[in-house]
Protein backbone atom coordinates (compact mmCIF):
# COMPACT_ATOMS: atom_id res chain seq x y z
CA MET A 1 -0.53 14.25 59.77
CA THR A 2 3.21 14.57 59.26
CA PHE A 3 3.30 10.95 58.10
CA VAL A 4 0.43 11.57 55.67
CA ARG A 5 2.08 14.71 54.28
CA ASN A 6 5.39 12.95 53.85
CA THR A 7 3.71 10.00 52.16
CA LEU A 8 1.88 12.32 49.75
CA VAL A 9 5.08 14.21 48.95
CA ILE A 10 6.96 10.97 48.33
CA GLY A 11 4.12 9.71 46.12
CA ILE A 12 4.07 12.90 44.09
CA VAL A 13 7.84 12.88 43.67
CA LEU A 14 7.89 9.21 42.68
CA GLY A 15 5.00 9.74 40.28
CA ALA A 16 6.72 12.69 38.65
CA THR A 17 9.95 10.75 38.45
CA SER A 18 8.15 7.79 36.88
CA SER A 19 6.38 10.03 34.33
CA ALA A 20 9.64 11.75 33.47
CA SER A 21 11.33 8.38 33.15
CA ASN A 22 8.58 7.07 30.85
CA ALA A 23 8.72 10.21 28.73
CA GLN A 24 12.51 9.99 28.57
CA SER A 25 12.26 6.31 27.61
CA ALA A 26 9.77 7.08 24.82
CA ALA A 27 11.98 9.92 23.59
CA SER A 28 14.99 7.61 23.72
CA ARG A 29 13.17 4.97 21.64
CA ALA A 30 12.14 7.59 19.11
CA SER A 31 15.66 9.01 18.84
CA ALA A 32 17.05 5.48 18.52
CA ARG A 33 15.05 4.81 15.37
CA PRO A 34 17.34 4.88 12.33
CA PRO A 35 16.79 7.61 9.75
CA THR A 36 14.91 6.91 6.54
CA LEU A 37 17.32 7.09 3.62
CA HIS A 38 16.28 8.15 0.12
CA LYS A 39 18.18 6.24 -2.55
CA THR A 40 18.18 5.40 -6.25
CA VAL A 41 19.39 2.35 -8.18
CA GLN A 42 19.64 1.79 -11.91
CA ILE A 43 17.56 -1.03 -13.38
CA ASP A 44 17.31 -1.50 -17.15
CA GLY A 45 18.52 2.06 -17.63
CA LEU A 46 15.87 3.51 -15.31
CA ASP A 47 16.32 5.29 -12.01
CA ILE A 48 14.30 3.37 -9.40
CA PHE A 49 13.89 5.47 -6.28
CA TYR A 50 13.35 3.86 -2.90
CA ARG A 51 13.14 4.62 0.81
CA GLU A 52 15.13 2.43 3.18
CA ALA A 53 15.52 2.29 6.94
CA GLY A 54 16.45 -0.11 9.69
CA PRO A 55 19.27 -2.57 10.37
CA LYS A 56 20.22 -4.52 7.26
CA ASP A 57 20.74 -7.71 9.25
CA ALA A 58 17.13 -7.62 10.48
CA PRO A 59 14.15 -9.26 8.72
CA THR A 60 13.14 -7.26 5.64
CA ILE A 61 9.71 -5.81 4.87
CA LEU A 62 9.20 -4.90 1.20
CA LEU A 63 6.49 -2.23 0.89
CA LEU A 64 4.68 -2.04 -2.48
CA HIS A 65 2.53 1.02 -3.07
CA GLY A 66 -0.74 1.63 -4.89
CA PHE A 67 -2.28 4.11 -7.36
CA PRO A 68 -1.92 7.07 -7.66
CA THR A 69 0.71 7.34 -4.96
CA SER A 70 4.26 6.11 -4.38
CA SER A 71 6.55 5.13 -1.51
CA HIS A 72 5.40 8.45 -0.03
CA MET A 73 2.37 6.56 1.31
CA PHE A 74 4.72 4.67 3.65
CA ARG A 75 6.60 7.72 4.95
CA ASN A 76 5.16 7.31 8.47
CA LEU A 77 5.01 3.51 8.57
CA ILE A 78 8.71 3.15 7.78
CA PRO A 79 10.01 4.84 10.98
CA ALA A 80 7.33 3.03 13.00
CA LEU A 81 8.91 -0.30 12.00
CA SER A 82 12.56 0.46 11.31
CA ASP A 83 13.85 0.06 14.87
CA ARG A 84 13.21 -3.68 14.54
CA TYR A 85 12.99 -4.36 10.79
CA HIS A 86 14.82 -3.55 7.59
CA VAL A 87 12.17 -1.66 5.62
CA VAL A 88 12.39 -0.97 1.88
CA ALA A 89 9.82 0.88 -0.27
CA PRO A 90 10.46 1.40 -4.02
CA ASP A 91 8.61 3.60 -6.51
CA TYR A 92 7.48 1.90 -9.74
CA PRO A 93 8.48 3.49 -13.06
CA GLY A 94 6.11 6.37 -13.75
CA TYR A 95 5.49 6.96 -10.05
CA GLY A 96 7.05 9.03 -7.30
CA ASN A 97 10.72 9.82 -7.87
CA SER A 98 11.48 6.96 -10.27
CA SER A 99 12.04 7.47 -14.00
CA MET A 100 8.97 8.11 -16.13
CA PRO A 101 9.63 6.96 -19.70
CA ALA A 102 6.84 7.69 -22.18
CA VAL A 103 4.19 5.04 -22.67
CA GLY A 104 5.55 4.29 -26.16
CA GLU A 105 9.06 3.74 -24.77
CA PHE A 106 8.31 1.37 -21.90
CA ASP A 107 6.01 -1.57 -21.30
CA TYR A 108 3.73 -0.30 -18.55
CA SER A 109 2.28 -3.58 -17.37
CA PHE A 110 1.98 -5.42 -14.10
CA ASP A 111 4.13 -8.23 -15.49
CA HIS A 112 6.88 -5.73 -16.22
CA PHE A 113 6.51 -3.98 -12.86
CA ALA A 114 6.96 -7.35 -11.16
CA GLU A 115 10.10 -7.98 -13.24
CA ILE A 116 11.49 -4.56 -12.28
CA ILE A 117 10.80 -5.14 -8.58
CA GLU A 118 12.29 -8.63 -8.80
CA GLN A 119 15.50 -7.13 -10.23
CA PHE A 120 15.34 -4.44 -7.56
CA THR A 121 15.26 -7.01 -4.75
CA GLU A 122 18.14 -8.92 -6.31
CA GLN A 123 20.24 -5.80 -6.79
CA LEU A 124 19.72 -4.91 -3.12
CA GLY A 125 20.51 -8.48 -2.09
CA LEU A 126 17.10 -9.12 -0.53
CA LYS A 127 16.96 -12.90 -0.24
CA ARG A 128 13.88 -13.15 1.99
CA TYR A 129 11.23 -10.62 2.91
CA SER A 130 7.71 -10.03 4.14
CA LEU A 131 5.55 -8.44 1.45
CA TYR A 132 3.33 -5.48 2.37
CA VAL A 133 0.97 -4.99 -0.59
CA MET A 134 -1.62 -2.30 -1.19
CA ASP A 135 -3.77 -1.64 -4.28
CA TYR A 136 -1.43 -1.99 -7.32
CA GLY A 137 1.12 -3.51 -4.94
CA ALA A 138 -1.00 -6.65 -4.70
CA PRO A 139 -0.73 -7.78 -8.35
CA VAL A 140 2.96 -6.83 -8.35
CA GLY A 141 3.68 -8.60 -5.06
CA PHE A 142 1.63 -11.71 -5.76
CA ARG A 143 3.44 -12.22 -9.08
CA LEU A 144 6.70 -12.13 -7.11
CA ALA A 145 5.35 -14.55 -4.51
CA VAL A 146 4.20 -17.10 -7.09
CA LYS A 147 7.57 -16.96 -8.86
CA HIS A 148 9.67 -17.07 -5.68
CA PRO A 149 7.59 -18.55 -2.85
CA GLU A 150 10.79 -19.43 -0.96
CA ARG A 151 11.57 -15.72 -0.57
CA VAL A 152 8.29 -14.70 1.05
CA GLN A 153 8.24 -14.97 4.83
CA ALA A 154 4.82 -13.37 5.36
CA LEU A 155 2.13 -11.29 3.65
CA ILE A 156 0.61 -8.05 4.87
CA VAL A 157 -2.40 -7.04 2.76
CA GLN A 158 -3.93 -3.58 2.94
CA ASN A 159 -6.79 -3.10 0.46
CA GLY A 160 -5.12 -5.26 -2.18
CA ASN A 161 -7.25 -7.63 -4.23
CA ALA A 162 -6.84 -11.29 -5.24
CA TYR A 163 -10.48 -12.38 -5.61
CA ASP A 164 -13.31 -11.69 -8.06
CA GLU A 165 -15.53 -10.59 -5.17
CA GLY A 166 -13.29 -7.57 -4.68
CA LEU A 167 -14.09 -6.22 -8.15
CA ASP A 168 -17.84 -6.88 -8.10
CA ASN A 169 -18.91 -3.27 -7.53
CA ASP A 170 -19.99 -0.16 -9.43
CA PHE A 171 -16.55 1.43 -9.51
CA TRP A 172 -15.07 -1.33 -11.66
CA GLU A 173 -17.83 -1.66 -14.29
CA PRO A 174 -16.46 0.81 -16.88
CA ILE A 175 -12.91 -0.37 -16.24
CA LYS A 176 -13.94 -3.96 -16.98
CA ALA A 177 -15.55 -2.74 -20.22
CA TYR A 178 -12.33 -0.87 -21.03
CA TRP A 179 -10.39 -4.13 -20.71
CA LYS A 180 -12.55 -5.60 -23.47
CA ASN A 181 -12.53 -2.55 -25.73
CA ARG A 182 -10.42 0.57 -25.22
CA LYS A 183 -12.82 2.42 -27.52
CA ALA A 184 -15.85 1.51 -25.37
CA PHE A 185 -18.48 4.24 -25.14
CA ASP A 186 -20.92 4.61 -22.24
CA GLN A 187 -20.24 1.05 -21.07
CA GLY A 188 -20.69 0.54 -17.32
CA LEU A 189 -21.28 4.25 -16.71
CA ASP A 190 -24.95 4.09 -15.80
CA ASN A 191 -24.57 2.97 -12.20
CA ASP A 192 -24.80 5.36 -9.26
CA TRP A 193 -21.04 5.87 -8.92
CA TRP A 194 -20.37 6.88 -12.51
CA LYS A 195 -23.62 8.79 -12.99
CA ASN A 196 -22.13 11.31 -10.59
CA VAL A 197 -19.09 11.68 -12.85
CA LYS A 198 -21.26 12.22 -15.93
CA ALA A 199 -23.29 14.79 -14.00
CA ALA A 200 -20.13 16.59 -12.93
CA TYR A 201 -19.07 16.88 -16.58
CA ASN A 202 -22.67 17.64 -17.62
CA LYS A 203 -22.46 14.90 -20.24
CA PRO A 204 -25.23 12.33 -20.56
CA SER A 205 -22.87 10.14 -22.63
CA MET A 206 -19.12 9.69 -22.45
CA SER A 207 -16.46 7.40 -23.79
CA ASN A 208 -15.06 5.11 -21.14
CA GLU A 209 -11.62 6.63 -21.59
CA GLU A 210 -12.94 10.14 -21.03
CA ALA A 211 -14.75 9.00 -17.89
CA LEU A 212 -11.67 7.20 -16.56
CA ARG A 213 -9.62 10.37 -16.98
CA PHE A 214 -11.75 11.79 -14.17
CA LEU A 215 -9.69 9.56 -11.85
CA PHE A 216 -6.64 11.68 -12.65
CA THR A 217 -8.19 14.95 -11.42
CA ILE A 218 -7.46 16.63 -8.10
CA GLY A 219 -11.05 16.02 -6.99
CA ALA A 220 -10.75 12.27 -7.53
CA THR A 221 -7.33 12.12 -5.88
CA GLN A 222 -8.63 13.96 -2.84
CA TRP A 223 -11.68 11.67 -2.76
CA GLN A 224 -9.45 8.58 -2.62
CA TYR A 225 -7.83 9.92 0.54
CA THR A 226 -10.93 11.25 2.29
CA ASN A 227 -13.80 8.98 1.29
CA GLY A 228 -14.78 6.62 4.09
CA VAL A 229 -12.57 8.16 6.78
CA ARG A 230 -13.84 8.98 10.26
CA ASP A 231 -12.38 12.49 10.35
CA LYS A 232 -11.43 14.28 7.13
CA GLU A 233 -9.57 16.92 9.11
CA ALA A 234 -7.14 14.22 10.24
CA ILE A 235 -6.01 13.63 6.65
CA SER A 236 -3.22 15.90 5.43
CA PRO A 237 -3.92 17.61 2.08
CA ASP A 238 -0.21 17.18 1.33
CA ASN A 239 -1.17 13.65 0.23
CA TRP A 240 -3.30 14.57 -2.74
CA HIS A 241 -1.18 17.58 -3.68
CA VAL A 242 1.98 15.43 -3.82
CA ASP A 243 0.21 12.77 -5.90
CA GLN A 244 -1.54 15.26 -8.16
CA ARG A 245 1.66 17.07 -9.05
CA LEU A 246 3.00 13.76 -10.35
CA LEU A 247 -0.22 12.80 -12.14
CA ASP A 248 -0.20 16.17 -13.91
CA ARG A 249 3.20 15.58 -15.54
CA PRO A 250 2.92 15.58 -19.35
CA GLY A 251 2.33 12.01 -20.54
CA ASN A 252 1.46 10.58 -17.14
CA GLN A 253 -2.26 10.21 -17.86
CA GLU A 254 -1.43 7.98 -20.82
CA ILE A 255 0.69 5.84 -18.50
CA GLN A 256 -2.16 5.52 -16.04
CA LEU A 257 -4.67 4.65 -18.77
CA GLN A 258 -2.32 1.92 -20.00
CA LEU A 259 -2.17 0.49 -16.47
CA PHE A 260 -5.95 0.69 -16.09
CA TYR A 261 -6.15 -1.37 -19.28
CA ASP A 262 -3.46 -3.82 -18.18
CA TYR A 263 -5.17 -4.32 -14.82
CA GLY A 264 -7.34 -6.69 -16.83
CA SER A 265 -4.38 -9.09 -16.83
CA ASN A 266 -4.79 -9.61 -13.09
CA PRO A 267 -8.16 -11.39 -12.60
CA PRO A 268 -7.14 -14.34 -14.86
CA LEU A 269 -4.21 -14.87 -12.46
CA TYR A 270 -6.38 -14.94 -9.33
CA PRO A 271 -6.72 -18.77 -9.36
CA GLU A 272 -2.92 -19.06 -9.54
CA TRP A 273 -2.46 -16.65 -6.65
CA GLN A 274 -5.07 -18.47 -4.60
CA ALA A 275 -3.37 -21.80 -5.32
CA TYR A 276 -0.14 -20.23 -4.02
CA PHE A 277 -1.95 -19.25 -0.80
CA ARG A 278 -3.30 -22.77 -0.33
CA LYS A 279 -0.05 -24.56 -1.12
CA HIS A 280 2.50 -22.39 0.65
CA GLN A 281 0.32 -20.96 3.43
CA PRO A 282 2.31 -17.78 4.06
CA PRO A 283 1.39 -16.22 7.42
CA THR A 284 -0.91 -13.37 6.44
CA LEU A 285 -2.05 -10.17 8.11
CA ILE A 286 -5.09 -8.39 6.67
CA VAL A 287 -5.38 -4.70 7.65
CA TRP A 288 -8.15 -3.35 5.44
CA GLY A 289 -9.97 -0.04 5.35
CA LYS A 290 -13.51 -1.40 5.27
CA ASN A 291 -15.11 1.80 3.90
CA ASP A 292 -13.09 1.67 0.67
CA GLU A 293 -15.36 1.97 -2.40
CA ILE A 294 -12.60 0.83 -4.78
CA PHE A 295 -11.50 -2.31 -2.96
CA PRO A 296 -14.34 -2.90 -0.48
CA ALA A 297 -14.28 -5.39 2.35
CA GLU A 298 -15.91 -8.01 0.09
CA GLY A 299 -12.43 -8.52 -1.33
CA ALA A 300 -10.85 -9.01 2.10
CA HIS A 301 -12.98 -11.88 3.43
CA PRO A 302 -12.11 -14.48 0.72
CA TYR A 303 -8.49 -14.62 1.89
CA LYS A 304 -9.83 -16.58 4.86
CA ARG A 305 -10.93 -19.38 2.50
CA ASP A 306 -7.40 -20.19 1.40
CA LEU A 307 -5.11 -19.19 4.26
CA GLN A 308 -4.90 -20.99 7.59
CA ASN A 309 -2.52 -18.72 9.51
CA ILE A 310 -4.36 -15.44 8.97
CA GLU A 311 -4.89 -12.45 11.24
CA PHE A 312 -7.83 -10.36 10.04
CA HIS A 313 -8.63 -6.73 10.85
CA LEU A 314 -11.23 -4.53 9.19
CA LEU A 315 -10.54 -0.91 10.09
CA ASP A 316 -13.16 1.84 10.19
CA THR A 317 -11.50 3.97 7.54
CA GLY A 318 -11.07 4.30 3.78
CA HIS A 319 -8.80 3.34 0.89
CA PHE A 320 -5.56 4.82 2.22
CA ALA A 321 -5.96 3.34 5.68
CA LEU A 322 -2.44 4.30 6.77
CA GLU A 323 -3.40 7.98 6.80
CA GLU A 324 -5.96 7.58 9.58
CA ASP A 325 -4.90 4.34 11.26
CA GLY A 326 -1.16 4.27 10.63
CA GLN A 327 -0.18 3.59 14.24
CA VAL A 328 -2.87 0.91 14.57
CA ILE A 329 -1.53 -0.82 11.46
CA ALA A 330 2.07 -0.47 12.63
CA ASP A 331 1.16 -2.08 15.95
CA HIS A 332 -0.59 -4.96 14.17
CA VAL A 333 2.42 -5.46 11.87
CA ARG A 334 4.91 -5.51 14.73
CA LEU A 335 2.92 -8.01 16.77
CA PHE A 336 2.13 -10.19 13.74
CA LEU A 337 5.73 -10.36 12.55
CA SER A 338 7.04 -10.99 16.06
CA ARG A 339 4.86 -14.12 16.10
CA ASN A 340 5.62 -15.31 12.59
CA VAL A 341 9.07 -14.13 11.46
CA SER A 342 12.16 -14.97 13.45
CA ARG A 343 14.53 -12.14 14.27
CA GLY A 344 17.31 -14.40 13.08
CA SER A 345 15.87 -14.66 9.57
CA GLN A 346 17.71 -11.82 7.91
CA GLY A 347 16.45 -10.51 4.60
CA ARG A 348 19.85 -9.93 3.01
CA GLY A 349 22.26 -12.51 1.80
């Protein structure tokens, strides 16, 4: 019995020691992660805000955000990657903490955003990088990739579209009509998605612009974060309050309408982007919230047609997948990049 008691005591002590050691190791790893820095650079007379973390001699990940958010959407992903990677997340003009010139003073277009981000990477000395693109980040990032394929080490795509299939749904119908005619009235608004908007306004008929302005309301912003998620209580309301405060700035709705209109410049470029995929075959990770009603999973599957080295994950969540599955995505990114991007391939020159 003495032997048994001693063995049990030793086992308990060793187990406690092991648990304490594991906890200490996890705490040590967390404390070893570099802080996220909040910086600003001047590009064409504008302040471009960005978040940056991680060793500058490590491979770079360039994070490009969507609508209606900013680099804020990456606030948790950055520290999850920055122990091993140099992570950089800028805000476009009109978003987040970057300058917001009036729509009549600045060309709010995806071509121009790509030019601004290109200058941003050059000013920071980012010679090579993996592109993480989401929503609006996809047309910005894919323009960069086509122009400078030698700079792109890998692609990480989260609910970012490059195929017609991804826009073949009710949500996009009035936006497509808006591309053709900014004065469109009641075009594409009779499907189930937009009938709900008309009912909410108690208007049987609406101009397309008036209907699209619904997407700038707090209800629509909250919906983008909570629609399709497994547990709405897991999603912080700070997300939509941060975004809405910025959307509500005087003149910002006009900026967003201009970008809705200019989004029509993207589908004609899809064949060029797809040709880039086929020719250059960048290693690609798809991490896609499959319950997204804006960019549904129908837009994720076609990437498999053109890319050979592709890792594909549909996640049981919504548009802003990082909010519910951030750690899952971070784990996928770390494993994917460890297989496809050499630690010796620094992003800075």
